[in-house]
């Protein structure tokens, strides 16, 4: 009996040692901490609007108000075309994807700074934190996507029956969301690693994200960009093909290219790999600089 207890105790022992490579990720260890990840996801969801009047309704209020503002400013005042699509559908489709990406990026970009005290006391795979942020934001994305589908159904059935041409490429939505998550996670962990030493860069993030949105066809279609050089630069933005592919599949307008989707996928993988390298290097000594 004593020998059995001793064996069981040895099996529950976890040995913490430095990683052999800064690129290596112990996926098995991340999987063993899936319960912690689940708890963090629940915490992120419940605390975000815990002491607010409308609570989760802000998930709907924010895109609705943003859509109305875009319709007034860009649709009626600036008169930017929407590829012949109804303005609410056009703007909502871009807002859903962009909001998910920007939320994941801004929230993961402060991982080290926000959790410095916790990281200094308890050991767990540090990547659990940003991964939980990315997954928890899927709830918000799902609610906003549901709002988009409701508006889509209203236009498709009552207002413009048969005039909105959804096609088979709409089935790529899970792939597009995955690419957004990988891009946001990669840029987020890369940014949080840099800002542990250069804290002032964190102040520029909001400004950079705003500029990035205008470089992405969220409030205007890519077809309105006629300058070849500018169009090529916009296509280098990995988010361009993702947003355009979603609009093309769901609304039948926009552009779609398998080559551009493959480019976005490769870009996401490279950025994530670089982010992991820098993240693994910084997590060894970030406690001394935060």
Protein backbone atom coordinates (compact mmCIF):
# COMPACT_ATOMS: atom_id res chain seq x y z
CA UNK A 1 0.00 0.00 0.00
CA UNK A 2 2.81 2.41 0.88
CA UNK A 3 4.61 1.58 -2.36
CA UNK A 4 1.41 2.31 -4.31
CA UNK A 5 0.94 5.68 -2.58
CA UNK A 6 4.54 6.60 -3.29
CA UNK A 7 4.15 5.70 -6.98
CA UNK A 8 0.94 7.71 -7.25
CA UNK A 9 2.60 10.70 -5.62
CA UNK A 10 5.49 10.52 -8.05
CA UNK A 11 3.08 10.42 -10.99
CA UNK A 12 1.49 13.69 -9.87
CA UNK A 13 4.81 15.49 -9.71
CA UNK A 14 5.36 18.14 -12.37
CA UNK A 15 8.90 19.09 -13.26
CA UNK A 16 9.32 22.71 -14.38
CA UNK A 17 12.37 23.31 -16.51
CA UNK A 18 13.47 25.83 -19.15
CA UNK A 19 12.39 25.17 -22.71
CA UNK A 20 15.08 23.87 -24.99
CA UNK A 21 14.06 26.20 -27.80
CA UNK A 22 12.36 29.58 -27.83
CA UNK A 23 10.25 28.35 -30.75
CA UNK A 24 9.07 25.24 -28.96
CA UNK A 25 5.57 25.12 -27.51
CA UNK A 26 4.54 22.30 -25.22
CA UNK A 27 1.11 21.67 -26.74
CA UNK A 28 0.59 18.75 -24.36
CA UNK A 29 1.10 21.08 -21.42
CA UNK A 30 -1.36 23.58 -22.88
CA UNK A 31 -3.89 20.77 -23.24
CA UNK A 32 -3.37 19.71 -19.62
CA UNK A 33 -4.21 23.26 -18.55
CA UNK A 34 -7.43 23.32 -20.58
CA UNK A 35 -9.48 23.57 -17.37
CA UNK A 36 -7.63 26.76 -16.46
CA UNK A 37 -8.26 28.06 -19.95
CA UNK A 38 -11.98 27.35 -19.54
CA UNK A 39 -12.05 29.22 -16.23
CA UNK A 40 -10.27 32.20 -17.79
CA UNK A 41 -12.74 32.21 -20.67
CA UNK A 42 -15.68 32.29 -18.25
CA UNK A 43 -13.99 35.04 -16.24
CA UNK A 44 -13.38 37.16 -19.32
CA UNK A 45 -17.00 36.85 -20.39
CA UNK A 46 -18.61 37.51 -17.01
CA UNK A 47 -16.39 40.39 -15.89
CA UNK A 48 -16.45 42.44 -19.09
CA UNK A 49 -19.99 43.77 -18.55
CA UNK A 50 -20.58 42.69 -14.96
CA UNK A 51 -21.29 46.19 -13.59
CA UNK A 52 -23.01 47.69 -16.61
CA UNK A 53 -26.66 48.62 -17.11
CA UNK A 54 -27.21 46.84 -20.43
CA UNK A 55 -24.79 43.97 -19.81
CA UNK A 56 -24.30 41.69 -22.84
CA UNK A 57 -26.73 43.88 -24.83
CA UNK A 58 -23.71 46.08 -25.48
CA UNK A 59 -22.64 43.34 -27.88
CA UNK A 60 -25.61 44.43 -30.03
CA UNK A 61 -25.77 48.13 -29.22
CA UNK A 62 -22.19 48.84 -30.25
CA UNK A 63 -22.37 47.42 -33.81
CA UNK A 64 -25.82 48.95 -34.35
CA UNK A 65 -24.65 52.43 -33.34
CA UNK A 66 -21.45 52.02 -35.36
CA UNK A 67 -23.46 50.95 -38.41
CA UNK A 68 -25.77 53.96 -38.11
CA UNK A 69 -22.77 56.28 -37.82
CA UNK A 70 -21.13 54.72 -40.89
CA UNK A 71 -24.37 55.05 -42.84
CA UNK A 72 -24.63 58.75 -42.00
CA UNK A 73 -20.97 59.72 -42.43
CA UNK A 74 -19.64 57.41 -45.14
CA UNK A 75 -22.87 56.42 -46.86
CA UNK A 76 -24.80 59.70 -47.03
CA UNK A 77 -22.24 62.47 -46.48
CA UNK A 78 -19.14 61.01 -48.16
CA UNK A 79 -21.33 58.93 -50.51
CA UNK A 80 -18.90 56.03 -50.65
CA UNK A 81 -20.47 53.21 -52.71
CA UNK A 82 -21.16 49.80 -51.20
CA UNK A 83 -21.00 47.60 -54.33
CA UNK A 84 -24.77 47.93 -54.76
CA UNK A 85 -25.45 46.33 -51.38
CA UNK A 86 -27.76 47.75 -48.69
CA UNK A 87 -25.69 49.90 -46.38
CA UNK A 88 -26.69 48.12 -43.13
CA UNK A 89 -25.62 44.75 -44.52
CA UNK A 90 -22.41 46.05 -46.03
CA UNK A 91 -21.26 47.84 -42.88
CA UNK A 92 -22.39 45.12 -40.46
CA UNK A 93 -20.51 42.45 -42.40
CA UNK A 94 -17.26 44.38 -42.07
CA UNK A 95 -17.87 45.43 -38.47
CA UNK A 96 -18.41 41.83 -37.28
CA UNK A 97 -15.05 40.64 -38.59
CA UNK A 98 -13.09 43.77 -37.73
CA UNK A 99 -14.48 44.01 -34.20
CA UNK A 100 -13.44 40.43 -33.44
CA UNK A 101 -9.93 41.00 -34.75
CA UNK A 102 -9.41 44.35 -33.01
CA UNK A 103 -10.78 43.06 -29.68
CA UNK A 104 -8.49 40.04 -29.73
CA UNK A 105 -5.48 42.15 -30.70
CA UNK A 106 -5.95 44.88 -28.09
CA UNK A 107 -6.75 42.46 -25.27
CA UNK A 108 -3.85 40.06 -25.94
CA UNK A 109 -1.42 42.95 -26.43
CA UNK A 110 -1.39 43.68 -22.69
CA UNK A 111 -0.99 40.10 -21.46
CA UNK A 112 2.31 40.59 -19.61
CA UNK A 113 1.48 44.00 -18.14
CA UNK A 114 -2.02 43.06 -16.94
CA UNK A 115 -0.98 39.74 -15.41
CA UNK A 116 2.50 40.56 -14.09
CA UNK A 117 1.53 39.96 -10.44
CA UNK A 118 -0.12 36.62 -11.23
CA UNK A 119 2.75 35.43 -13.44
CA UNK A 120 5.18 36.18 -10.62
CA UNK A 121 3.36 33.93 -8.13
CA UNK A 122 1.88 30.97 -10.02
CA UNK A 123 3.24 28.79 -12.79
CA UNK A 124 1.15 27.86 -15.80
CA UNK A 125 1.79 28.09 -19.55
CA UNK A 126 1.75 31.81 -20.27
CA UNK A 127 0.14 31.27 -23.67
CA UNK A 128 -3.03 30.19 -21.89
CA UNK A 129 -3.86 33.83 -21.14
CA UNK A 130 -3.90 35.22 -24.71
CA UNK A 131 -5.51 32.04 -26.06
CA UNK A 132 -8.34 32.41 -23.53
CA UNK A 133 -8.85 36.02 -24.67
CA UNK A 134 -9.12 34.97 -28.30
CA UNK A 135 -11.60 32.18 -27.53
CA UNK A 136 -13.75 34.26 -25.16
CA UNK A 137 -14.21 36.93 -27.83
CA UNK A 138 -15.90 34.31 -30.00
CA UNK A 139 -19.05 34.85 -27.91
CA UNK A 140 -19.18 38.49 -28.85
CA UNK A 141 -18.48 37.64 -32.46
CA UNK A 142 -21.25 35.02 -32.49
CA UNK A 143 -23.81 37.50 -31.11
CA UNK A 144 -22.83 40.15 -33.64
CA UNK A 145 -22.86 37.60 -36.43
CA UNK A 146 -26.36 36.62 -35.32
CA UNK A 147 -27.40 40.28 -35.58
CA UNK A 148 -25.95 40.41 -39.08
CA UNK A 149 -27.87 37.25 -40.07
CA UNK A 150 -31.13 38.73 -38.72
CA UNK A 151 -30.67 41.88 -40.79
CA UNK A 152 -29.65 39.71 -43.74
CA UNK A 153 -32.84 37.63 -43.41
CA UNK A 154 -35.00 40.78 -43.26
CA UNK A 155 -33.50 42.10 -46.49
CA UNK A 156 -33.50 38.71 -48.20
CA UNK A 157 -37.13 37.90 -47.37
CA UNK A 158 -38.98 41.23 -47.11
CA UNK A 159 -37.02 44.11 -48.65
CA UNK A 160 -34.86 42.70 -51.47
CA UNK A 161 -36.01 39.11 -52.05
CA UNK A 162 -33.67 37.22 -54.34
CA UNK A 163 -31.38 40.20 -54.93
CA UNK A 164 -28.66 39.21 -52.44
CA UNK A 165 -26.69 36.34 -53.90
CA UNK A 166 -25.16 34.18 -51.19
CA UNK A 167 -22.89 31.47 -52.58
CA UNK A 168 -20.96 28.41 -51.46
CA UNK A 169 -17.98 30.49 -50.35
CA UNK A 170 -20.01 31.49 -47.31
CA UNK A 171 -19.03 28.08 -45.90
CA UNK A 172 -15.49 29.43 -45.52
CA UNK A 173 -16.60 31.48 -42.52
CA UNK A 174 -14.96 29.16 -39.91
CA UNK A 175 -11.69 29.32 -41.87
CA UNK A 176 -11.86 33.11 -42.08
CA UNK A 177 -12.53 33.41 -38.34
CA UNK A 178 -9.62 31.07 -37.62
CA UNK A 179 -7.32 33.25 -39.74
CA UNK A 180 -8.48 36.34 -37.86
CA UNK A 181 -7.81 34.59 -34.54
CA UNK A 182 -4.31 33.50 -35.58
CA UNK A 183 -3.44 36.96 -36.87
CA UNK A 184 -4.72 38.67 -33.73
CA UNK A 185 -2.98 36.16 -31.46
CA UNK A 186 0.32 36.47 -33.34
CA UNK A 187 0.34 40.26 -33.40
CA UNK A 188 -0.99 40.41 -29.83
CA UNK A 189 1.69 38.26 -28.21
CA UNK A 190 4.36 39.96 -30.31
CA UNK A 191 3.17 43.38 -29.19
CA UNK A 192 2.84 42.44 -25.52
CA UNK A 193 6.38 41.09 -25.59
CA UNK A 194 7.78 44.33 -27.01
CA UNK A 195 5.84 46.60 -24.64
CA UNK A 196 7.27 44.96 -21.53
CA UNK A 197 10.42 46.98 -22.24
CA UNK A 198 9.08 49.84 -24.33
CA UNK A 199 5.88 50.74 -22.50
CA UNK A 200 5.15 53.87 -24.53
CA UNK A 201 4.46 51.72 -27.60
CA UNK A 202 1.28 50.54 -25.92
CA UNK A 203 -0.10 54.06 -26.21
CA UNK A 204 0.22 53.85 -29.99
CA UNK A 205 -1.77 50.64 -30.32
CA UNK A 206 -5.21 52.24 -30.40
CA UNK A 207 -4.06 54.71 -33.04
CA UNK A 208 -2.44 51.94 -35.08
CA UNK A 209 -5.58 49.79 -34.94
CA UNK A 210 -7.70 52.72 -36.14
CA UNK A 211 -5.38 53.33 -39.09
CA UNK A 212 -5.37 49.60 -39.86
CA UNK A 213 -9.17 49.62 -40.12
CA UNK A 214 -9.04 52.34 -42.78
CA UNK A 215 -6.46 50.26 -44.65
CA UNK A 216 -8.94 47.36 -44.65
CA UNK A 217 -12.10 47.39 -46.83
CA UNK A 218 -14.52 47.61 -43.91
CA UNK A 219 -16.29 50.87 -44.72
CA UNK A 220 -15.63 50.79 -48.47
CA UNK A 221 -15.36 48.01 -51.08
CA UNK A 222 -12.00 47.13 -52.60
CA UNK A 223 -13.50 47.79 -56.04
CA UNK A 224 -13.48 51.55 -55.33
CA UNK A 225 -9.68 51.54 -55.13
CA UNK A 226 -8.69 52.16 -58.74
CA UNK A 227 -5.07 53.19 -58.25
CA UNK A 228 -3.01 50.08 -59.02
CA UNK A 229 -0.22 50.87 -56.56
CA UNK A 230 -2.61 51.63 -53.72
CA UNK A 231 -4.67 48.54 -54.53
CA UNK A 232 -1.55 46.36 -54.44
CA UNK A 233 -0.56 47.82 -51.08
CA UNK A 234 -4.02 47.14 -49.71
CA UNK A 235 -3.87 43.56 -50.91
CA UNK A 236 -0.68 43.11 -48.91
CA UNK A 237 -2.84 43.67 -45.85
CA UNK A 238 -3.75 40.09 -44.78
CA UNK A 239 -7.15 41.26 -43.51
CA UNK A 240 -8.24 42.55 -46.92
CA UNK A 241 -8.78 39.14 -48.49
CA UNK A 242 -10.55 37.86 -45.36
CA UNK A 243 -13.09 40.71 -45.25
CA UNK A 244 -13.62 40.62 -48.99
CA UNK A 245 -14.08 36.84 -48.98
CA UNK A 246 -16.75 37.08 -46.29
CA UNK A 247 -18.66 39.75 -48.19
CA UNK A 248 -18.33 37.80 -51.41
CA UNK A 249 -19.64 34.59 -49.87
CA UNK A 250 -22.46 36.08 -47.80
CA UNK A 251 -23.57 38.97 -49.99
CA UNK A 252 -22.30 38.08 -53.46
CA UNK A 253 -20.30 41.29 -53.81
CA UNK A 254 -16.62 41.97 -53.45
CA UNK A 255 -13.68 39.92 -54.61
CA UNK A 256 -12.43 36.44 -53.87
CA UNK A 257 -9.12 34.79 -54.61
CA UNK A 258 -7.77 31.48 -53.36
CA UNK A 259 -4.28 32.89 -53.81
CA UNK A 260 -5.03 35.83 -51.52
CA UNK A 261 -6.60 33.55 -48.90
CA UNK A 262 -3.47 31.37 -49.04
CA UNK A 263 -1.36 34.51 -48.64
CA UNK A 264 -3.34 35.52 -45.54
CA UNK A 265 -2.97 32.02 -44.12
CA UNK A 266 0.80 31.99 -44.66
CA UNK A 267 1.06 35.50 -43.21
CA UNK A 268 -0.88 34.43 -40.11
CA UNK A 269 1.35 31.38 -39.57
CA UNK A 270 4.55 33.40 -39.96
CA UNK A 271 3.36 36.16 -37.60
CA UNK A 272 2.25 33.59 -35.03
CA UNK A 273 5.61 31.80 -35.23
CA UNK A 274 7.49 35.07 -34.77
CA UNK A 275 5.18 36.01 -31.92
CA UNK A 276 5.82 32.69 -30.18
CA UNK A 277 9.59 33.11 -30.56
CA UNK A 278 9.57 36.59 -29.03
CA UNK A 279 6.98 35.62 -26.40
CA UNK A 280 9.05 32.63 -25.24
CA UNK A 281 12.18 34.76 -25.07
CA UNK A 282 10.53 37.58 -23.10
CA UNK A 283 8.60 35.40 -20.65
CA UNK A 284 11.86 34.19 -19.13
CA UNK A 285 12.84 37.62 -17.85
CA UNK A 286 9.85 39.93 -18.28
CA UNK A 287 9.34 40.07 -14.50
CA UNK A 288 12.51 42.13 -14.23
CA UNK A 289 11.29 44.81 -16.63
CA UNK A 290 7.53 45.05 -16.04
